[in-house]
N, C-alpha and C. Protein backbone atom coordinates (compact mmCIF):
# COMPACT_ATOMS: atom_id res chain seq x y z
N UNK A 1 72.65 85.53 116.97
CA UNK A 1 72.12 86.87 117.00
C UNK A 1 73.24 87.84 117.39
N UNK A 2 73.23 89.00 116.77
CA UNK A 2 74.21 90.03 117.10
C UNK A 2 74.11 90.36 118.58
N UNK A 3 75.26 90.39 119.25
CA UNK A 3 75.28 90.60 120.70
C UNK A 3 76.42 91.52 121.07
N UNK A 4 76.17 92.40 122.02
CA UNK A 4 77.20 93.26 122.59
C UNK A 4 77.34 92.93 124.07
N UNK A 5 78.58 92.68 124.48
CA UNK A 5 78.91 92.50 125.89
C UNK A 5 79.95 93.56 126.24
N UNK A 6 79.75 94.22 127.39
CA UNK A 6 80.72 95.23 127.83
C UNK A 6 81.33 94.74 129.13
N UNK A 7 82.66 94.64 129.13
CA UNK A 7 83.43 94.15 130.27
C UNK A 7 84.24 95.27 130.89
N UNK A 8 84.41 95.22 132.21
CA UNK A 8 85.42 96.03 132.87
C UNK A 8 86.71 95.23 132.78
N UNK A 9 87.79 95.84 132.31
CA UNK A 9 89.03 95.09 132.10
C UNK A 9 89.58 94.51 133.41
N UNK A 10 89.15 95.03 134.55
CA UNK A 10 89.60 94.49 135.83
C UNK A 10 88.79 93.27 136.26
N UNK A 11 87.64 93.05 135.63
CA UNK A 11 86.78 91.90 135.92
C UNK A 11 86.35 91.26 134.59
N UNK A 12 87.29 90.63 133.90
CA UNK A 12 87.00 90.16 132.55
C UNK A 12 86.15 88.89 132.45
N UNK A 13 85.77 88.33 133.57
CA UNK A 13 84.97 87.09 133.51
C UNK A 13 83.47 87.33 133.44
N UNK A 14 83.04 88.52 133.84
CA UNK A 14 81.61 88.78 133.91
C UNK A 14 81.29 90.13 133.26
N UNK A 15 80.51 90.15 132.17
CA UNK A 15 80.19 91.43 131.54
C UNK A 15 79.26 92.27 132.41
N UNK A 16 79.45 93.59 132.32
CA UNK A 16 78.57 94.53 133.01
C UNK A 16 77.26 94.72 132.24
N UNK A 17 77.35 94.57 130.91
CA UNK A 17 76.20 94.78 130.02
C UNK A 17 76.18 93.65 128.99
N UNK A 18 75.00 93.12 128.72
CA UNK A 18 74.79 92.18 127.62
C UNK A 18 73.48 92.60 126.95
N UNK A 19 73.55 92.82 125.63
CA UNK A 19 72.33 93.19 124.91
C UNK A 19 72.35 92.61 123.50
N UNK A 20 71.16 92.26 123.02
CA UNK A 20 70.96 91.82 121.64
C UNK A 20 70.09 92.80 120.88
N UNK A 21 69.74 93.91 121.52
CA UNK A 21 68.91 94.94 120.90
C UNK A 21 69.76 95.76 119.92
N UNK A 22 69.36 95.74 118.65
CA UNK A 22 70.11 96.49 117.65
C UNK A 22 70.19 97.97 118.01
N UNK A 23 69.08 98.54 118.44
CA UNK A 23 69.06 99.97 118.79
C UNK A 23 70.01 100.25 119.95
N UNK A 24 70.03 99.37 120.93
CA UNK A 24 70.92 99.57 122.09
C UNK A 24 72.38 99.38 121.69
N UNK A 25 72.65 98.39 120.84
CA UNK A 25 74.02 98.18 120.35
C UNK A 25 74.48 99.42 119.59
N UNK A 26 73.63 99.94 118.71
CA UNK A 26 73.98 101.15 117.96
C UNK A 26 74.25 102.32 118.90
N UNK A 27 73.42 102.48 119.91
CA UNK A 27 73.57 103.59 120.85
C UNK A 27 74.87 103.47 121.64
N UNK A 28 75.11 102.29 122.22
CA UNK A 28 76.30 102.10 123.05
C UNK A 28 77.59 102.21 122.24
N UNK A 29 77.61 101.61 121.05
CA UNK A 29 78.79 101.74 120.20
C UNK A 29 78.95 103.16 119.68
N UNK A 30 77.83 103.78 119.32
CA UNK A 30 77.86 105.16 118.84
C UNK A 30 78.45 106.12 119.86
N UNK A 31 78.20 105.87 121.15
CA UNK A 31 78.79 106.71 122.20
C UNK A 31 80.32 106.66 122.18
N UNK A 32 80.88 105.60 121.60
CA UNK A 32 82.33 105.44 121.50
C UNK A 32 82.85 105.81 120.09
N UNK A 33 81.96 106.32 119.25
CA UNK A 33 82.36 106.72 117.91
C UNK A 33 82.39 105.57 116.90
N UNK A 34 81.82 104.43 117.28
CA UNK A 34 81.80 103.25 116.41
C UNK A 34 80.49 103.25 115.62
N UNK A 35 80.62 103.13 114.33
CA UNK A 35 79.45 103.04 113.45
C UNK A 35 78.99 101.58 113.41
N UNK A 36 77.70 101.37 113.64
CA UNK A 36 77.13 100.03 113.56
C UNK A 36 75.80 100.14 112.84
N UNK A 37 75.64 99.35 111.77
CA UNK A 37 74.41 99.35 110.99
C UNK A 37 74.08 97.92 110.61
N UNK A 38 72.84 97.73 110.22
CA UNK A 38 72.45 96.46 109.63
C UNK A 38 71.88 96.75 108.26
N UNK A 39 72.52 96.15 107.24
CA UNK A 39 72.08 96.31 105.85
C UNK A 39 71.26 95.09 105.46
N UNK A 40 70.32 95.27 104.54
CA UNK A 40 69.64 94.08 104.02
C UNK A 40 70.64 93.26 103.20
N UNK A 41 70.58 91.96 103.37
CA UNK A 41 71.49 91.10 102.60
C UNK A 41 70.82 90.68 101.31
N UNK A 42 71.65 90.23 100.42
CA UNK A 42 71.19 89.75 99.13
C UNK A 42 71.32 88.23 99.10
N UNK A 43 70.44 87.60 98.36
CA UNK A 43 70.58 86.15 98.17
C UNK A 43 71.66 85.92 97.14
N UNK A 44 72.76 85.35 97.59
CA UNK A 44 73.90 85.08 96.71
C UNK A 44 74.20 83.59 96.74
N UNK A 45 74.64 83.04 95.62
CA UNK A 45 75.00 81.62 95.63
C UNK A 45 76.21 81.37 96.52
N UNK A 46 76.34 80.16 97.01
CA UNK A 46 77.46 79.80 97.90
C UNK A 46 78.81 80.02 97.22
N UNK A 47 78.84 79.90 95.90
CA UNK A 47 80.10 80.06 95.18
C UNK A 47 80.27 81.47 94.59
N UNK A 48 79.56 82.46 95.16
CA UNK A 48 79.65 83.84 94.66
C UNK A 48 81.10 84.32 94.73
N UNK A 49 81.54 84.96 93.67
CA UNK A 49 82.90 85.49 93.61
C UNK A 49 82.96 86.84 94.30
N UNK A 50 84.18 87.33 94.48
CA UNK A 50 84.36 88.68 95.04
C UNK A 50 83.60 89.70 94.20
N UNK A 51 83.71 89.60 92.88
CA UNK A 51 83.02 90.53 91.99
C UNK A 51 81.50 90.42 92.14
N UNK A 52 80.98 89.20 92.27
CA UNK A 52 79.54 89.01 92.47
C UNK A 52 79.08 89.72 93.74
N UNK A 53 79.84 89.56 94.80
CA UNK A 53 79.48 90.14 96.09
C UNK A 53 79.56 91.67 96.03
N UNK A 54 80.66 92.18 95.49
CA UNK A 54 80.80 93.64 95.39
C UNK A 54 79.74 94.24 94.47
N UNK A 55 79.37 93.53 93.42
CA UNK A 55 78.29 94.00 92.53
C UNK A 55 76.95 94.03 93.27
N UNK A 56 76.69 93.02 94.07
CA UNK A 56 75.42 92.93 94.81
C UNK A 56 75.27 94.08 95.80
N UNK A 57 76.37 94.54 96.37
CA UNK A 57 76.35 95.62 97.37
C UNK A 57 76.98 96.91 96.83
N UNK A 58 76.97 97.07 95.52
CA UNK A 58 77.64 98.22 94.88
C UNK A 58 77.10 99.56 95.38
N UNK A 59 75.80 99.68 95.55
CA UNK A 59 75.23 100.96 95.99
C UNK A 59 75.68 101.32 97.40
N UNK A 60 75.63 100.34 98.32
CA UNK A 60 76.04 100.60 99.70
C UNK A 60 77.54 100.93 99.78
N UNK A 61 78.34 100.18 99.04
CA UNK A 61 79.79 100.40 99.04
C UNK A 61 80.10 101.78 98.45
N UNK A 62 79.45 102.13 97.36
CA UNK A 62 79.68 103.45 96.74
C UNK A 62 79.30 104.57 97.70
N UNK A 63 78.21 104.39 98.43
CA UNK A 63 77.78 105.41 99.40
C UNK A 63 78.83 105.58 100.49
N UNK A 64 79.34 104.47 101.04
CA UNK A 64 80.37 104.56 102.08
C UNK A 64 81.66 105.17 101.54
N UNK A 65 82.04 104.79 100.34
CA UNK A 65 83.25 105.37 99.73
C UNK A 65 83.11 106.88 99.62
N UNK A 66 81.97 107.34 99.11
CA UNK A 66 81.75 108.78 98.94
C UNK A 66 81.69 109.50 100.28
N UNK A 67 81.02 108.89 101.23
CA UNK A 67 80.82 109.52 102.54
C UNK A 67 82.10 109.56 103.37
N UNK A 68 82.91 108.50 103.30
CA UNK A 68 84.04 108.36 104.22
C UNK A 68 85.41 108.43 103.53
N UNK A 69 85.44 108.54 102.22
CA UNK A 69 86.71 108.66 101.52
C UNK A 69 87.46 107.35 101.32
N UNK A 70 86.77 106.23 101.40
CA UNK A 70 87.44 104.96 101.18
C UNK A 70 87.85 104.85 99.71
N UNK A 71 89.02 104.26 99.48
CA UNK A 71 89.55 104.14 98.13
C UNK A 71 89.29 102.77 97.51
N UNK A 72 89.32 101.73 98.34
CA UNK A 72 89.19 100.38 97.81
C UNK A 72 88.22 99.56 98.66
N UNK A 73 87.68 98.53 98.03
CA UNK A 73 86.84 97.56 98.73
C UNK A 73 87.23 96.19 98.19
N UNK A 74 87.24 95.21 99.09
CA UNK A 74 87.47 93.84 98.67
C UNK A 74 86.62 92.91 99.52
N UNK A 75 86.77 91.63 99.30
CA UNK A 75 86.00 90.63 100.03
C UNK A 75 86.98 89.64 100.64
N UNK A 76 86.79 89.36 101.92
CA UNK A 76 87.58 88.34 102.60
C UNK A 76 86.61 87.24 103.04
N UNK A 77 87.04 86.01 102.86
CA UNK A 77 86.20 84.87 103.20
C UNK A 77 87.06 83.78 103.80
N UNK A 78 86.57 83.18 104.86
CA UNK A 78 87.31 82.09 105.50
C UNK A 78 86.33 81.02 105.94
N UNK A 79 86.72 79.78 105.74
CA UNK A 79 85.88 78.65 106.13
C UNK A 79 86.66 77.71 107.04
N UNK A 80 85.93 76.87 107.73
CA UNK A 80 86.52 75.96 108.71
C UNK A 80 87.50 74.97 108.07
N UNK A 81 87.35 74.69 106.78
CA UNK A 81 88.25 73.73 106.15
C UNK A 81 89.51 74.38 105.55
N UNK A 82 89.69 75.67 105.75
CA UNK A 82 90.88 76.35 105.25
C UNK A 82 92.10 75.88 106.04
N UNK A 83 93.14 75.37 105.38
CA UNK A 83 94.31 74.87 106.10
C UNK A 83 95.09 75.97 106.82
N UNK A 84 94.85 77.23 106.49
CA UNK A 84 95.55 78.34 107.14
C UNK A 84 94.70 79.07 108.18
N UNK A 85 93.58 78.46 108.57
CA UNK A 85 92.67 79.15 109.48
C UNK A 85 93.31 79.48 110.83
N UNK A 86 94.16 78.60 111.37
CA UNK A 86 94.78 78.87 112.67
C UNK A 86 95.75 80.05 112.59
N UNK A 87 96.50 80.12 111.51
CA UNK A 87 97.43 81.24 111.29
C UNK A 87 96.64 82.53 111.12
N UNK A 88 95.55 82.47 110.35
CA UNK A 88 94.72 83.66 110.14
C UNK A 88 94.11 84.13 111.45
N UNK A 89 93.62 83.20 112.26
CA UNK A 89 93.02 83.59 113.54
C UNK A 89 94.05 84.27 114.43
N UNK A 90 95.22 83.67 114.53
CA UNK A 90 96.26 84.21 115.41
C UNK A 90 96.67 85.62 115.00
N UNK A 91 96.67 85.90 113.71
CA UNK A 91 97.09 87.21 113.19
C UNK A 91 96.26 88.35 113.79
N UNK A 92 94.98 88.11 114.07
CA UNK A 92 94.09 89.17 114.50
C UNK A 92 93.79 89.16 116.00
N UNK A 93 94.32 88.17 116.76
CA UNK A 93 93.95 87.99 118.16
C UNK A 93 94.66 88.92 119.14
N UNK A 94 95.70 89.60 118.74
CA UNK A 94 96.39 90.52 119.64
C UNK A 94 95.86 91.94 119.43
N UNK A 95 95.82 92.69 120.53
CA UNK A 95 95.33 94.06 120.47
C UNK A 95 96.20 94.88 119.52
N UNK A 96 95.53 95.66 118.67
CA UNK A 96 96.23 96.50 117.71
C UNK A 96 95.38 97.72 117.38
N UNK A 97 95.97 98.63 116.63
CA UNK A 97 95.27 99.81 116.12
C UNK A 97 95.56 99.92 114.62
N UNK A 98 94.83 100.81 113.98
CA UNK A 98 95.06 101.14 112.58
C UNK A 98 95.06 102.65 112.42
N UNK A 99 95.69 103.12 111.36
CA UNK A 99 95.69 104.55 111.08
C UNK A 99 94.51 104.95 110.19
N UNK A 100 93.60 104.03 109.97
CA UNK A 100 92.35 104.30 109.25
C UNK A 100 91.24 103.48 109.90
N UNK A 101 90.00 103.86 109.62
CA UNK A 101 88.87 103.09 110.15
C UNK A 101 88.93 101.67 109.61
N UNK A 102 88.55 100.72 110.46
CA UNK A 102 88.43 99.32 110.02
C UNK A 102 86.95 99.04 109.81
N UNK A 103 86.58 98.80 108.56
CA UNK A 103 85.17 98.64 108.19
C UNK A 103 84.96 97.22 107.69
N UNK A 104 83.94 96.57 108.24
CA UNK A 104 83.57 95.22 107.81
C UNK A 104 82.06 95.12 107.70
N UNK A 105 81.61 94.56 106.58
CA UNK A 105 80.20 94.22 106.42
C UNK A 105 80.12 92.71 106.26
N UNK A 106 79.38 92.07 107.13
CA UNK A 106 79.26 90.61 107.13
C UNK A 106 78.18 90.17 106.14
N UNK A 107 78.64 89.60 105.03
CA UNK A 107 77.77 89.07 104.00
C UNK A 107 77.26 87.70 104.43
N UNK A 108 78.11 86.96 105.16
CA UNK A 108 77.82 85.59 105.59
C UNK A 108 78.57 85.34 106.88
N UNK A 109 77.99 84.51 107.75
CA UNK A 109 78.70 84.06 108.94
C UNK A 109 78.78 85.11 110.04
N UNK A 110 79.85 84.97 110.85
CA UNK A 110 79.98 85.84 112.02
C UNK A 110 81.43 85.93 112.48
N UNK A 111 81.68 86.92 113.32
CA UNK A 111 83.00 87.13 113.92
C UNK A 111 82.85 88.07 115.11
N UNK A 112 83.84 88.07 115.98
CA UNK A 112 83.76 88.78 117.25
C UNK A 112 84.82 89.87 117.31
N UNK A 113 84.36 91.12 117.32
CA UNK A 113 85.26 92.27 117.50
C UNK A 113 85.30 92.64 118.97
N UNK A 114 86.50 92.89 119.47
CA UNK A 114 86.70 93.40 120.82
C UNK A 114 87.27 94.81 120.69
N UNK A 115 86.62 95.78 121.31
CA UNK A 115 87.01 97.18 121.21
C UNK A 115 87.37 97.68 122.61
N UNK A 116 88.55 98.23 122.78
CA UNK A 116 89.08 98.60 124.10
C UNK A 116 89.04 100.12 124.26
N UNK A 117 88.15 100.59 125.13
CA UNK A 117 87.99 102.02 125.41
C UNK A 117 88.23 102.25 126.90
N UNK A 118 89.32 102.91 127.25
CA UNK A 118 89.61 103.16 128.66
C UNK A 118 89.72 101.84 129.41
N UNK A 119 88.91 101.68 130.46
CA UNK A 119 88.95 100.43 131.23
C UNK A 119 87.82 99.47 130.83
N UNK A 120 87.18 99.73 129.71
CA UNK A 120 86.08 98.88 129.23
C UNK A 120 86.48 98.19 127.92
N UNK A 121 85.98 96.97 127.75
CA UNK A 121 86.14 96.24 126.50
C UNK A 121 84.74 95.87 126.01
N UNK A 122 84.44 96.28 124.79
CA UNK A 122 83.17 95.99 124.14
C UNK A 122 83.39 94.80 123.22
N UNK A 123 82.72 93.70 123.48
CA UNK A 123 82.81 92.50 122.64
C UNK A 123 81.54 92.46 121.78
N UNK A 124 81.71 92.63 120.47
CA UNK A 124 80.58 92.72 119.55
C UNK A 124 80.59 91.50 118.64
N UNK A 125 79.62 90.62 118.81
CA UNK A 125 79.46 89.49 117.91
C UNK A 125 78.69 90.00 116.69
N UNK A 126 79.40 90.17 115.59
CA UNK A 126 78.80 90.63 114.34
C UNK A 126 78.39 89.42 113.52
N UNK A 127 77.22 89.54 112.87
CA UNK A 127 76.69 88.46 112.07
C UNK A 127 76.24 88.99 110.71
N UNK A 128 75.77 88.06 109.89
CA UNK A 128 75.25 88.42 108.57
C UNK A 128 74.36 89.65 108.69
N UNK A 129 74.57 90.62 107.81
CA UNK A 129 73.85 91.89 107.74
C UNK A 129 74.51 93.01 108.52
N UNK A 130 75.46 92.72 109.41
CA UNK A 130 76.04 93.75 110.27
C UNK A 130 77.20 94.47 109.59
N UNK A 131 77.21 95.79 109.73
CA UNK A 131 78.33 96.62 109.32
C UNK A 131 78.89 97.26 110.57
N UNK A 132 80.20 97.15 110.75
CA UNK A 132 80.87 97.81 111.86
C UNK A 132 82.03 98.60 111.30
N UNK A 133 82.19 99.82 111.82
CA UNK A 133 83.31 100.67 111.43
C UNK A 133 84.02 101.10 112.71
N UNK A 134 85.20 100.53 112.93
CA UNK A 134 86.00 100.82 114.11
C UNK A 134 86.88 102.03 113.79
N UNK A 135 86.74 103.12 114.55
CA UNK A 135 87.49 104.34 114.23
C UNK A 135 89.01 104.14 114.31
N UNK A 136 89.73 104.86 113.45
CA UNK A 136 91.19 104.78 113.47
C UNK A 136 91.71 105.09 114.87
N UNK A 137 92.78 104.41 115.24
CA UNK A 137 93.39 104.60 116.55
C UNK A 137 92.74 103.82 117.68
N UNK A 138 91.61 103.15 117.42
CA UNK A 138 90.92 102.38 118.45
C UNK A 138 91.66 101.07 118.71
N UNK A 139 91.96 100.80 119.97
CA UNK A 139 92.59 99.53 120.33
C UNK A 139 91.52 98.44 120.21
N UNK A 140 91.86 97.37 119.49
CA UNK A 140 90.88 96.31 119.26
C UNK A 140 91.58 95.04 118.81
N UNK A 141 90.78 93.96 118.71
CA UNK A 141 91.22 92.70 118.11
C UNK A 141 89.99 91.98 117.61
N UNK A 142 90.23 90.92 116.82
CA UNK A 142 89.16 90.19 116.18
C UNK A 142 89.36 88.71 116.39
N UNK A 143 88.29 88.01 116.74
CA UNK A 143 88.35 86.55 116.93
C UNK A 143 87.31 85.90 116.04
N UNK A 144 87.79 85.07 115.13
CA UNK A 144 86.92 84.37 114.19
C UNK A 144 86.59 82.97 114.67
N UNK A 145 87.16 82.57 115.81
CA UNK A 145 86.90 81.24 116.34
C UNK A 145 87.75 80.18 115.68
N UNK A 146 87.72 78.96 116.23
CA UNK A 146 88.56 77.87 115.71
C UNK A 146 88.05 77.27 114.41
N UNK A 147 86.79 77.51 114.08
CA UNK A 147 86.20 76.98 112.84
C UNK A 147 85.51 78.13 112.12
N UNK A 148 86.28 79.07 111.59
CA UNK A 148 85.69 80.29 111.02
C UNK A 148 84.76 80.01 109.84
N UNK A 149 83.72 80.79 109.80
CA UNK A 149 82.76 80.74 108.69
C UNK A 149 82.25 82.15 108.48
N UNK A 150 82.90 82.90 107.61
CA UNK A 150 82.43 84.25 107.34
C UNK A 150 82.91 84.75 105.99
N UNK A 151 82.16 85.70 105.47
CA UNK A 151 82.53 86.45 104.29
C UNK A 151 82.21 87.91 104.61
N UNK A 152 83.20 88.78 104.41
CA UNK A 152 83.02 90.20 104.71
C UNK A 152 83.50 91.06 103.56
N UNK A 153 82.79 92.16 103.36
CA UNK A 153 83.30 93.22 102.51
C UNK A 153 84.13 94.13 103.40
N UNK A 154 85.34 94.47 102.94
CA UNK A 154 86.23 95.37 103.67
C UNK A 154 86.43 96.63 102.83
N UNK A 155 86.47 97.77 103.50
CA UNK A 155 86.74 99.03 102.82
C UNK A 155 87.98 99.65 103.41
N UNK A 156 88.80 100.27 102.56
CA UNK A 156 90.07 100.83 102.99
C UNK A 156 90.28 102.23 102.40
N UNK A 157 90.89 103.10 103.19
CA UNK A 157 91.38 104.39 102.70
C UNK A 157 92.78 104.22 102.14
N UNK A 158 93.54 103.34 102.78
CA UNK A 158 94.91 103.06 102.39
C UNK A 158 94.90 101.95 101.34
N UNK A 159 95.41 102.21 100.15
CA UNK A 159 95.39 101.16 99.12
C UNK A 159 96.22 99.93 99.48
N UNK A 160 97.07 100.02 100.52
CA UNK A 160 97.84 98.86 100.96
C UNK A 160 96.98 97.86 101.73
N UNK A 161 95.75 98.25 102.08
CA UNK A 161 94.86 97.35 102.80
C UNK A 161 95.14 97.31 104.30
N UNK A 162 95.01 96.14 104.89
CA UNK A 162 95.08 95.95 106.33
C UNK A 162 96.51 96.14 106.83
N UNK A 163 96.73 97.21 107.63
CA UNK A 163 98.03 97.48 108.22
C UNK A 163 97.79 97.74 109.70
N UNK A 164 98.38 96.92 110.57
CA UNK A 164 98.15 97.02 112.01
C UNK A 164 99.40 97.49 112.75
N UNK A 165 99.15 98.20 113.86
CA UNK A 165 100.20 98.54 114.82
C UNK A 165 99.82 97.84 116.12
N UNK A 166 100.58 96.83 116.51
CA UNK A 166 100.25 96.07 117.70
C UNK A 166 100.67 96.84 118.95
N UNK A 167 99.80 96.80 119.98
CA UNK A 167 100.04 97.58 121.20
C UNK A 167 101.03 96.90 122.15
N UNK A 168 101.17 95.59 122.05
CA UNK A 168 102.03 94.85 122.97
C UNK A 168 101.34 94.53 124.30
N UNK A 169 100.11 94.97 124.47
CA UNK A 169 99.34 94.67 125.69
C UNK A 169 98.77 93.26 125.59
N UNK A 170 98.57 92.62 126.75
CA UNK A 170 98.03 91.25 126.75
C UNK A 170 96.56 91.19 127.12
N UNK A 171 95.85 92.30 127.03
CA UNK A 171 94.44 92.35 127.41
C UNK A 171 93.61 91.32 126.65
N UNK A 172 93.96 91.05 125.40
CA UNK A 172 93.17 90.11 124.59
C UNK A 172 93.17 88.71 125.19
N UNK A 173 94.25 88.34 125.84
CA UNK A 173 94.32 87.00 126.43
C UNK A 173 93.54 86.91 127.75
N UNK A 174 93.10 88.03 128.29
CA UNK A 174 92.42 88.04 129.58
C UNK A 174 90.90 87.94 129.45
N UNK A 175 90.38 88.21 128.29
CA UNK A 175 88.93 88.16 128.10
C UNK A 175 88.51 86.85 127.46
N UNK A 176 87.24 86.47 127.66
CA UNK A 176 86.77 85.21 127.07
C UNK A 176 86.88 85.25 125.54
N UNK A 177 87.35 84.15 124.99
CA UNK A 177 87.50 84.00 123.54
C UNK A 177 86.16 83.62 122.91
N UNK A 178 86.19 83.57 121.61
CA UNK A 178 85.03 83.23 120.79
C UNK A 178 84.36 81.94 121.29
N UNK A 179 85.16 80.89 121.55
CA UNK A 179 84.60 79.60 121.95
C UNK A 179 83.70 79.72 123.16
N UNK A 180 84.09 80.55 124.11
CA UNK A 180 83.30 80.68 125.34
C UNK A 180 82.07 81.55 125.11
N UNK A 181 82.22 82.62 124.35
CA UNK A 181 81.10 83.55 124.17
C UNK A 181 80.07 83.05 123.15
N UNK A 182 80.54 82.34 122.14
CA UNK A 182 79.64 81.89 121.08
C UNK A 182 79.29 80.42 121.22
N UNK A 183 80.11 79.69 121.96
CA UNK A 183 79.84 78.28 122.18
C UNK A 183 80.38 77.35 121.12
N UNK A 184 81.33 77.86 120.33
CA UNK A 184 81.92 77.01 119.30
C UNK A 184 82.92 76.04 119.92
N UNK A 185 83.07 74.91 119.27
CA UNK A 185 84.02 73.91 119.76
C UNK A 185 85.44 74.31 119.44
């Protein structure tokens, strides 16, 4: 289930807030300028291609492109049997920012976004149906866990796609990882 935990960075072992209420998650993230929505999912075959997925969500993607000025959309998918999963996980585990909003819609599976605002860190477990849009300049990181299973639609303003500026801070190593929060092995 989609879950939001809010930590004080000085006490990273115990969250101050834990909620699974969609309305509360939307409210708390919205206070930080983060867009959070739940879209109805489509029944897609396990072997659906990027084009199949983008076609299934064409109306929603077109609406976001028009509303927010996104230029491109693609699909990223990772499974536990991918031989590059450890490298992929490590790439996103350090705190970074982007010069554009980071938008993800979870078509399948789940992943954990950590958003760093002042002395608080918001850990958002996003699951199938969830759309999250992290505003440009927001310090954050993403943990897909040791056995990733997700498919996401990504939208970009920059045609170069995912471009990160790493902060050099070690805050990401101080908070509980995916394994502890989600219970994955």
